[in-house]
Every structure is written in structure tokens, then in C-alpha cells.
N, C-alpha and C. Protein backbone atom coordinates (compact mmCIF):
# COMPACT_ATOMS: atom_id res chain seq x y z
N MET A 1 -25.17 -0.84 27.06
CA MET A 1 -24.39 -0.67 25.56
C MET A 1 -24.63 1.07 25.57
N ALA A 2 -23.96 1.73 24.99
CA ALA A 2 -24.05 3.12 24.91
C ALA A 2 -25.12 3.40 23.85
N PRO A 3 -26.07 4.24 23.85
CA PRO A 3 -26.72 4.62 22.84
C PRO A 3 -25.99 5.23 21.50
N GLY A 4 -26.90 4.83 20.60
CA GLY A 4 -26.01 4.66 18.99
C GLY A 4 -24.80 4.03 18.69
N ARG A 5 -24.64 2.78 19.72
CA ARG A 5 -23.64 2.14 19.10
C ARG A 5 -24.16 0.87 19.12
N SER A 6 -23.53 0.02 17.69
CA SER A 6 -24.17 -1.34 17.48
C SER A 6 -23.16 -2.32 18.48
N PRO A 7 -23.62 -3.50 18.47
CA PRO A 7 -22.91 -4.55 19.04
C PRO A 7 -21.64 -4.96 18.51
N GLY A 8 -21.71 -4.68 17.19
CA GLY A 8 -20.44 -4.78 16.37
C GLY A 8 -19.28 -3.80 16.26
N SER A 9 -19.70 -2.64 17.00
CA SER A 9 -18.67 -1.52 16.82
C SER A 9 -17.72 -1.96 18.04
N GLY A 10 -16.54 -1.00 17.64
CA GLY A 10 -15.64 -1.00 18.77
C GLY A 10 -14.32 -2.07 18.23
N LEU A 11 -13.61 -1.94 19.07
CA LEU A 11 -12.51 -2.67 18.84
C LEU A 11 -12.75 -4.40 18.83
N ALA A 12 -13.39 -4.83 19.53
CA ALA A 12 -13.59 -6.13 19.23
C ALA A 12 -14.15 -6.61 17.76
N ALA A 13 -14.77 -5.48 17.11
CA ALA A 13 -15.17 -5.85 15.81
C ALA A 13 -14.07 -5.84 14.91
N LEU A 14 -12.89 -5.01 15.12
CA LEU A 14 -11.85 -4.92 14.48
C LEU A 14 -10.75 -6.27 14.57
N LEU A 15 -11.11 -7.12 15.51
CA LEU A 15 -10.17 -8.25 15.82
C LEU A 15 -10.14 -9.14 14.40
N PRO A 16 -10.87 -9.66 13.89
CA PRO A 16 -10.73 -10.42 12.65
C PRO A 16 -9.56 -9.50 11.38
N ALA A 17 -10.08 -8.31 11.40
CA ALA A 17 -9.30 -7.33 10.28
C ALA A 17 -7.70 -7.17 10.84
N ARG A 18 -7.53 -6.96 12.20
CA ARG A 18 -6.27 -7.07 12.99
C ARG A 18 -5.44 -8.28 12.48
N LEU A 19 -6.24 -9.31 12.69
CA LEU A 19 -5.73 -10.82 12.39
C LEU A 19 -5.34 -10.81 11.03
N GLY A 20 -6.04 -10.47 10.00
CA GLY A 20 -5.80 -10.50 8.53
C GLY A 20 -4.79 -9.48 8.27
N LEU A 21 -4.49 -8.60 8.97
CA LEU A 21 -3.40 -7.48 8.59
C LEU A 21 -2.40 -8.12 8.96
N TRP A 22 -2.12 -8.73 10.28
CA TRP A 22 -0.92 -9.29 10.96
C TRP A 22 -0.56 -10.69 9.74
N ALA A 23 -1.48 -11.35 9.19
CA ALA A 23 -1.27 -12.52 8.47
C ALA A 23 -0.56 -12.44 7.21
N THR A 24 -1.24 -11.10 6.35
CA THR A 24 -1.09 -11.03 5.15
C THR A 24 -0.04 -9.74 4.90
N THR A 25 0.61 -9.22 6.09
CA THR A 25 1.51 -8.12 5.71
C THR A 25 2.90 -8.37 7.01
N ALA A 26 3.89 -7.58 6.63
CA ALA A 26 4.87 -7.70 7.73
C ALA A 26 5.39 -6.08 7.99
N PRO A 27 6.30 -5.92 9.05
CA PRO A 27 6.60 -4.60 9.36
C PRO A 27 7.34 -3.93 8.27
N PHE A 28 7.04 -2.73 7.95
CA PHE A 28 7.56 -2.02 7.00
C PHE A 28 8.97 -1.21 7.51
N ARG A 29 9.81 -1.55 6.75
CA ARG A 29 11.26 -0.91 7.25
C ARG A 29 11.69 0.19 6.25
N PRO A 30 11.70 1.54 6.53
CA PRO A 30 12.02 2.40 5.32
C PRO A 30 13.32 2.46 4.80
N ASP A 31 13.58 2.85 3.55
CA ASP A 31 15.06 2.93 3.01
C ASP A 31 15.62 4.30 3.75
N PRO A 32 16.79 3.94 4.60
CA PRO A 32 17.45 5.26 4.90
C PRO A 32 17.67 6.36 4.23
N ARG A 33 17.81 5.92 2.64
CA ARG A 33 18.00 6.82 1.66
C ARG A 33 16.88 7.81 1.42
N LEU A 34 15.65 7.56 1.93
CA LEU A 34 14.60 8.36 1.71
C LEU A 34 14.70 9.67 2.07
N PRO A 35 14.20 10.77 1.66
CA PRO A 35 14.32 12.17 1.98
C PRO A 35 14.10 12.36 3.69
N PRO A 36 14.49 13.32 4.13
CA PRO A 36 14.59 13.42 5.84
C PRO A 36 12.97 13.86 6.23
N ASP A 37 12.44 14.52 5.21
CA ASP A 37 11.09 14.73 5.53
C ASP A 37 10.06 13.52 5.51
N LEU A 38 10.47 12.77 4.81
CA LEU A 38 9.68 11.34 4.68
C LEU A 38 10.08 10.63 5.71
N LEU A 39 11.19 10.45 6.21
CA LEU A 39 11.68 9.59 7.26
C LEU A 39 10.91 10.38 8.73
N ASP A 40 10.98 11.61 8.69
CA ASP A 40 10.30 12.38 9.81
C ASP A 40 9.10 12.08 9.93
N ALA A 41 8.08 11.85 8.47
CA ALA A 41 6.91 11.82 8.71
C ALA A 41 6.25 10.39 9.33
N ILE A 42 7.41 9.56 8.72
CA ILE A 42 7.05 8.15 9.27
C ILE A 42 7.23 7.91 10.57
N ARG A 43 8.12 8.60 11.41
CA ARG A 43 8.32 8.71 12.84
C ARG A 43 7.35 9.31 13.41
N VAL A 44 6.52 10.41 12.88
CA VAL A 44 5.56 11.04 13.54
C VAL A 44 4.34 10.18 13.70
N LEU A 45 4.13 9.55 12.40
CA LEU A 45 2.74 8.55 12.55
C LEU A 45 3.10 7.48 13.69
N ALA A 46 4.40 6.89 13.65
CA ALA A 46 4.29 5.74 14.59
C ALA A 46 4.09 6.53 15.82
N VAL A 47 4.51 7.58 16.26
CA VAL A 47 4.05 8.16 17.83
C VAL A 47 2.75 8.35 17.98
N LYS A 48 2.23 8.73 16.60
CA LYS A 48 0.45 8.50 16.71
C LYS A 48 -0.20 7.64 16.71
N GLY A 49 0.53 6.46 16.85
CA GLY A 49 0.04 5.19 16.84
C GLY A 49 -0.22 4.57 15.60
N TRP A 50 0.28 4.90 14.44
CA TRP A 50 0.04 4.18 13.06
C TRP A 50 1.17 3.32 12.87
N ARG A 51 0.69 2.14 11.99
CA ARG A 51 1.68 1.16 11.59
C ARG A 51 1.78 1.27 10.33
N LEU A 52 2.95 1.08 9.80
CA LEU A 52 3.11 0.82 8.38
C LEU A 52 3.45 -0.44 8.02
N ARG A 53 3.08 -1.17 7.24
CA ARG A 53 3.32 -2.30 6.96
C ARG A 53 3.49 -2.74 5.48
N ARG A 54 4.17 -3.74 4.98
CA ARG A 54 4.49 -4.21 3.54
C ARG A 54 3.80 -5.43 3.32
N ALA A 55 3.41 -5.83 2.02
CA ALA A 55 2.45 -6.84 1.65
C ALA A 55 2.87 -7.03 0.13
N GLY A 56 2.95 -8.50 -0.19
CA GLY A 56 3.20 -8.86 -1.28
C GLY A 56 2.04 -8.45 -2.46
N PRO A 57 2.31 -8.51 -3.71
CA PRO A 57 1.85 -7.91 -4.63
C PRO A 57 0.30 -8.29 -4.59
N ARG A 58 -0.25 -9.15 -4.38
CA ARG A 58 -1.72 -9.69 -4.17
C ARG A 58 -2.12 -9.11 -3.18
N ASN A 59 -1.54 -9.23 -2.04
CA ASN A 59 -1.99 -8.79 -0.75
C ASN A 59 -2.36 -7.27 -0.65
N HIS A 60 -1.12 -6.50 -1.13
CA HIS A 60 -1.02 -5.28 -1.52
C HIS A 60 -2.23 -4.86 -2.18
N ALA A 61 -2.70 -5.19 -3.31
CA ALA A 61 -3.85 -4.80 -4.33
C ALA A 61 -5.11 -5.11 -3.33
N VAL A 62 -5.30 -6.08 -2.50
CA VAL A 62 -6.53 -6.45 -1.58
C VAL A 62 -6.55 -5.27 -0.62
N TRP A 63 -5.45 -5.08 0.01
CA TRP A 63 -5.51 -4.04 1.26
C TRP A 63 -5.70 -2.45 0.31
N LEU A 64 -5.04 -2.40 -0.56
CA LEU A 64 -5.35 -1.11 -1.38
C LEU A 64 -6.91 -0.63 -1.70
N ALA A 65 -7.50 -1.78 -1.81
CA ALA A 65 -9.05 -1.53 -2.22
C ALA A 65 -9.66 -1.42 -0.93
N GLU A 66 -9.13 -1.50 0.38
CA GLU A 66 -9.86 -1.03 1.73
C GLU A 66 -9.27 0.19 2.43
N PRO A 67 -9.32 1.40 1.86
CA PRO A 67 -8.77 2.36 2.65
C PRO A 67 -9.54 2.96 3.92
N GLU A 68 -10.79 2.78 4.02
CA GLU A 68 -11.45 2.95 5.02
C GLU A 68 -10.98 1.98 6.25
N LEU A 69 -10.97 0.73 5.79
CA LEU A 69 -10.50 -0.15 6.83
C LEU A 69 -9.17 0.06 7.42
N GLN A 70 -8.22 0.31 6.22
CA GLN A 70 -6.71 0.45 6.84
C GLN A 70 -6.97 2.00 7.82
N HIS A 71 -7.49 2.66 7.72
CA HIS A 71 -7.69 3.97 8.48
C HIS A 71 -8.25 3.62 9.81
N ARG A 72 -9.27 2.85 9.82
CA ARG A 72 -10.05 2.18 11.10
C ARG A 72 -8.80 1.45 11.96
N LEU A 73 -7.98 0.96 11.21
CA LEU A 73 -6.93 -0.23 11.79
C LEU A 73 -5.63 0.67 12.20
N ARG A 74 -5.72 1.74 11.77
CA ARG A 74 -4.53 2.82 11.94
C ARG A 74 -3.47 2.22 11.07
N ALA A 75 -3.34 1.75 10.09
CA ALA A 75 -2.46 1.02 9.35
C ALA A 75 -2.32 1.61 7.96
N VAL A 76 -1.13 1.45 7.36
CA VAL A 76 -0.93 1.93 6.12
C VAL A 76 -0.21 0.72 5.28
N VAL A 77 -0.73 0.16 4.49
CA VAL A 77 -0.02 -1.11 3.89
C VAL A 77 0.37 -0.51 2.69
N LEU A 78 2.03 -1.10 2.45
CA LEU A 78 2.60 -0.61 1.27
C LEU A 78 3.19 -1.72 0.70
N PRO A 79 3.62 -1.61 -0.72
CA PRO A 79 4.19 -2.92 -1.49
C PRO A 79 5.69 -3.35 -0.92
N ASP A 80 5.78 -4.59 -0.89
CA ASP A 80 6.98 -5.04 -0.24
C ASP A 80 8.08 -4.86 -1.63
N ALA A 81 9.21 -5.56 -1.72
CA ALA A 81 10.32 -5.61 -2.30
C ALA A 81 10.07 -6.12 -3.91
N ARG A 82 8.97 -6.96 -3.93
CA ARG A 82 8.60 -7.48 -5.33
C ARG A 82 8.00 -6.53 -6.21
N ALA A 83 7.73 -5.54 -5.63
CA ALA A 83 7.24 -4.22 -6.53
C ALA A 83 8.30 -3.83 -7.34
N HIS A 84 9.58 -3.79 -6.81
CA HIS A 84 10.85 -3.43 -7.67
C HIS A 84 10.88 -2.17 -7.97
N LEU A 85 10.28 -1.12 -6.74
CA LEU A 85 10.17 0.22 -7.05
C LEU A 85 11.31 0.94 -6.85
N ALA A 86 11.70 1.75 -7.63
CA ALA A 86 13.09 2.70 -7.66
C ALA A 86 12.93 3.77 -6.41
N LEU A 87 14.06 4.12 -5.94
CA LEU A 87 13.94 5.22 -4.73
C LEU A 87 12.82 6.51 -4.99
N PRO A 88 13.13 7.19 -6.19
CA PRO A 88 12.13 7.99 -6.51
C PRO A 88 10.63 7.68 -6.56
N GLU A 89 10.36 6.55 -6.88
CA GLU A 89 8.88 5.97 -6.97
C GLU A 89 8.68 5.71 -5.67
N TRP A 90 9.68 5.20 -4.65
CA TRP A 90 9.11 5.07 -3.17
C TRP A 90 8.65 6.23 -2.60
N ASN A 91 9.69 7.50 -3.02
CA ASN A 91 9.23 8.70 -2.53
C ASN A 91 7.81 9.14 -2.95
N ALA A 92 7.58 9.06 -4.03
CA ALA A 92 6.35 9.38 -4.58
C ALA A 92 5.09 8.49 -3.99
N LEU A 93 5.44 7.13 -3.92
CA LEU A 93 4.05 6.56 -3.25
C LEU A 93 3.90 6.84 -1.82
N LEU A 94 5.01 6.88 -0.93
CA LEU A 94 4.85 7.36 0.23
C LEU A 94 4.27 8.71 0.50
N ARG A 95 4.87 9.57 -0.27
CA ARG A 95 4.32 10.93 -0.22
C ARG A 95 2.60 10.68 -0.53
N HIS A 96 2.27 10.11 -1.42
CA HIS A 96 0.89 10.14 -1.88
C HIS A 96 0.07 9.48 -0.70
N ARG A 97 0.54 8.12 0.00
CA ARG A 97 -0.16 7.49 0.83
C ARG A 97 -0.31 7.99 2.31
N LEU A 98 0.83 8.97 2.48
CA LEU A 98 0.99 9.49 3.80
C LEU A 98 0.50 10.98 3.77
N GLN A 99 0.29 11.69 2.67
CA GLN A 99 -0.25 13.08 2.79
C GLN A 99 -1.63 13.11 3.30
N PRO A 100 -2.60 12.21 3.18
CA PRO A 100 -3.98 12.58 3.84
C PRO A 100 -3.95 12.55 5.45
N LEU A 101 -2.70 11.73 5.82
CA LEU A 101 -2.53 11.74 7.36
C LEU A 101 -1.91 12.92 7.73
N LEU A 102 -0.74 13.40 6.96
CA LEU A 102 -0.20 14.49 7.30
C LEU A 102 -0.06 15.29 6.25
N PRO A 103 -0.93 16.58 6.29
CA PRO A 103 -1.25 17.48 5.08
C PRO A 103 -0.16 18.32 4.72
N ALA A 104 0.93 18.48 5.74
CA ALA A 104 1.93 19.32 5.43
C ALA A 104 3.08 18.88 4.78
N LEU A 105 2.89 17.63 4.51
CA LEU A 105 4.09 16.75 3.61
C LEU A 105 3.77 17.01 2.18
N ALA A 106 5.03 17.51 1.70
CA ALA A 106 5.05 18.06 0.24
C ALA A 106 4.55 16.75 -0.28
N PRO A 107 3.78 17.31 -1.75
CA PRO A 107 2.94 16.48 -2.52
C PRO A 107 3.90 15.66 -3.45
N ALA A 108 3.41 14.51 -3.66
CA ALA A 108 4.15 13.29 -4.79
C ALA A 108 4.53 13.95 -6.07
N ASP A 109 5.57 13.47 -6.57
CA ASP A 109 5.79 13.93 -8.18
C ASP A 109 4.77 12.96 -9.07
N PRO A 110 4.04 13.42 -10.03
CA PRO A 110 3.07 12.83 -10.60
C PRO A 110 3.50 11.62 -11.67
N LEU A 111 4.98 11.99 -12.03
CA LEU A 111 5.35 11.30 -13.03
C LEU A 111 6.21 9.98 -12.27
N ALA A 112 6.72 10.20 -11.14
CA ALA A 112 7.05 9.05 -10.56
C ALA A 112 5.88 8.12 -9.81
N LEU A 113 4.83 8.74 -9.45
CA LEU A 113 3.79 8.02 -8.85
C LEU A 113 3.13 7.09 -10.04
N GLY A 114 2.81 7.76 -11.38
CA GLY A 114 2.81 6.84 -12.27
C GLY A 114 3.58 5.84 -12.68
N GLN A 115 4.80 5.76 -12.65
CA GLN A 115 5.61 4.66 -12.73
C GLN A 115 5.69 3.79 -11.74
N ALA A 116 5.49 4.43 -10.58
CA ALA A 116 5.14 3.46 -9.48
C ALA A 116 3.86 2.51 -9.64
N ALA A 117 2.87 3.33 -10.25
CA ALA A 117 1.48 2.28 -10.26
C ALA A 117 1.71 1.29 -11.27
N GLN A 118 2.46 1.69 -12.51
CA GLN A 118 2.69 0.75 -13.39
C GLN A 118 3.70 -0.42 -13.04
N ARG A 119 4.96 0.02 -12.18
CA ARG A 119 5.50 -1.08 -11.51
C ARG A 119 4.65 -2.08 -10.71
N LEU A 120 3.71 -1.40 -9.82
CA LEU A 120 2.68 -2.23 -9.07
C LEU A 120 1.57 -3.13 -9.69
N ARG A 121 1.36 -2.81 -10.97
CA ARG A 121 0.54 -3.42 -11.97
C ARG A 121 1.31 -4.63 -12.56
N SER A 122 2.46 -4.49 -12.84
CA SER A 122 3.56 -5.46 -13.55
C SER A 122 3.58 -6.47 -12.46
N ALA A 123 3.86 -5.95 -11.08
CA ALA A 123 4.20 -7.28 -9.95
C ALA A 123 3.05 -8.15 -10.01
N LEU A 124 1.81 -7.70 -10.17
CA LEU A 124 0.77 -8.59 -10.17
C LEU A 124 0.75 -9.53 -11.07
N ALA A 125 1.52 -9.33 -12.34
CA ALA A 125 1.47 -10.16 -13.37
C ALA A 125 2.07 -11.53 -13.12
N PRO A 126 1.65 -12.72 -13.56
CA PRO A 126 2.00 -13.71 -12.92
C PRO A 126 3.59 -14.12 -13.85
N GLU A 127 4.48 -14.64 -13.02
CA GLU A 127 5.84 -14.93 -13.47
C GLU A 127 6.03 -15.59 -15.02
N TRP A 128 4.69 -16.40 -15.30
CA TRP A 128 5.05 -17.43 -16.54
C TRP A 128 4.66 -16.25 -17.76
N LEU A 129 4.09 -15.32 -17.20
CA LEU A 129 3.70 -14.27 -18.59
C LEU A 129 5.01 -13.54 -19.16
N GLY A 130 5.88 -13.48 -18.50
CA GLY A 130 7.11 -12.95 -18.80
C GLY A 130 7.30 -11.43 -19.06
N PRO A 131 8.52 -10.64 -19.11
CA PRO A 131 8.47 -9.17 -19.27
C PRO A 131 7.60 -8.65 -20.36
N GLY A 132 7.21 -7.53 -20.48
CA GLY A 132 6.52 -7.08 -21.85
C GLY A 132 5.54 -7.62 -22.35
N ARG A 133 4.82 -8.75 -21.73
CA ARG A 133 3.64 -9.24 -22.24
C ARG A 133 2.31 -8.61 -21.55
N PRO A 134 1.23 -8.43 -22.35
CA PRO A 134 0.15 -7.65 -21.71
C PRO A 134 -0.55 -8.64 -20.81
N LEU A 135 -1.06 -8.34 -20.16
CA LEU A 135 -2.26 -8.75 -19.06
C LEU A 135 -3.55 -9.18 -19.65
N GLY A 136 -3.77 -8.53 -20.87
CA GLY A 136 -5.26 -8.64 -21.29
C GLY A 136 -5.42 -9.56 -22.23
N PRO A 137 -6.47 -9.76 -22.76
CA PRO A 137 -6.68 -11.10 -23.82
C PRO A 137 -5.97 -11.22 -24.80
N LEU A 138 -5.89 -12.51 -25.08
CA LEU A 138 -4.74 -12.75 -26.06
C LEU A 138 -5.39 -12.38 -27.63
N PRO A 139 -4.38 -11.74 -28.40
CA PRO A 139 -4.76 -11.28 -29.66
C PRO A 139 -5.57 -12.56 -30.50
N PRO A 140 -6.51 -12.21 -31.37
CA PRO A 140 -7.22 -13.45 -32.14
C PRO A 140 -6.22 -14.04 -33.12
N ARG A 141 -6.37 -15.38 -33.24
CA ARG A 141 -5.40 -16.07 -33.94
C ARG A 141 -5.95 -16.08 -35.36
N SER A 142 -4.74 -15.96 -36.19
CA SER A 142 -5.14 -15.71 -37.66
C SER A 142 -5.63 -17.29 -38.14
N GLY A 143 -6.42 -17.40 -39.13
CA GLY A 143 -7.07 -18.33 -39.61
C GLY A 143 -5.63 -19.28 -40.59
N ALA A 144 -5.97 -20.74 -40.14
CA ALA A 144 -4.80 -21.39 -40.81
C ALA A 144 -5.18 -22.21 -42.04
């Protein structure tokens, strides 16, 4: 074994994470209506060996909390269609997530990025909660 390397480092150590990525995500196919610079950025990352993947709301939240692991796996996990993002929100989210990998990419619109974050939080809410209902604790009941 090379000096300074632990037995758990290397590609074999990433195998469980790679399997988890494969099991909880699907290939990402960008909307062809995205701006040309974003579509080019996605192609450049693919040539550099990066994978863009999509995941449902819960799995996306799990992967979002693991940026270092995504980087080691050379993967960017994005939300799937259940997030109901509009095209400007996709534009902002993709720019925000891809800019650390491609610094020349134009920055995200903060307003659209905030709207995308709000939709991602809403997608995590259980369906029985209904639209417009808060995810927080229930208000106190009045005495009867």
C-alpha cells in the first residue's frame, strides 16, 4: 500500500456510495429550452467525466446534504420533475450548482434561486398536507 493511503481510500471505498447513487437517482436530461451557455456547460462537464443525475424530493434532499460525496463521485444530483420548477428556476438552480465546477459560468439570479428553493421545500411536504399548509407545528387549539 502506498504511504499515506488508508485501506478505505480509493475507488473501492466509493463502491457503496456509487451503488447508492445509482439506486436513488436517474439520468438527468436537460430541457432543450435552457440557455445555450448552460447546455454547453452540461456538455463540458460530461466530457470531464461528471454525471448529472436527478432524484425525487426526499432523495434529492439527502444528496444535497452530501456535497463532498457528490464531488468525490463526480456527480451532481438535481431534483426531478416532482419539484415543479419553472424554466427560470431551473436556469438559476443549474447555474448555482454548476458554477463551482465551471467558474466562467454566469451567476444565478438570486430571486429565481430563492423561488426554486421554496419549490424544493414544498415538494418535500407530504401530499396529504395540501397546498398552502405550513409544515411546522400545528397552532394551539382554542379551549372548548
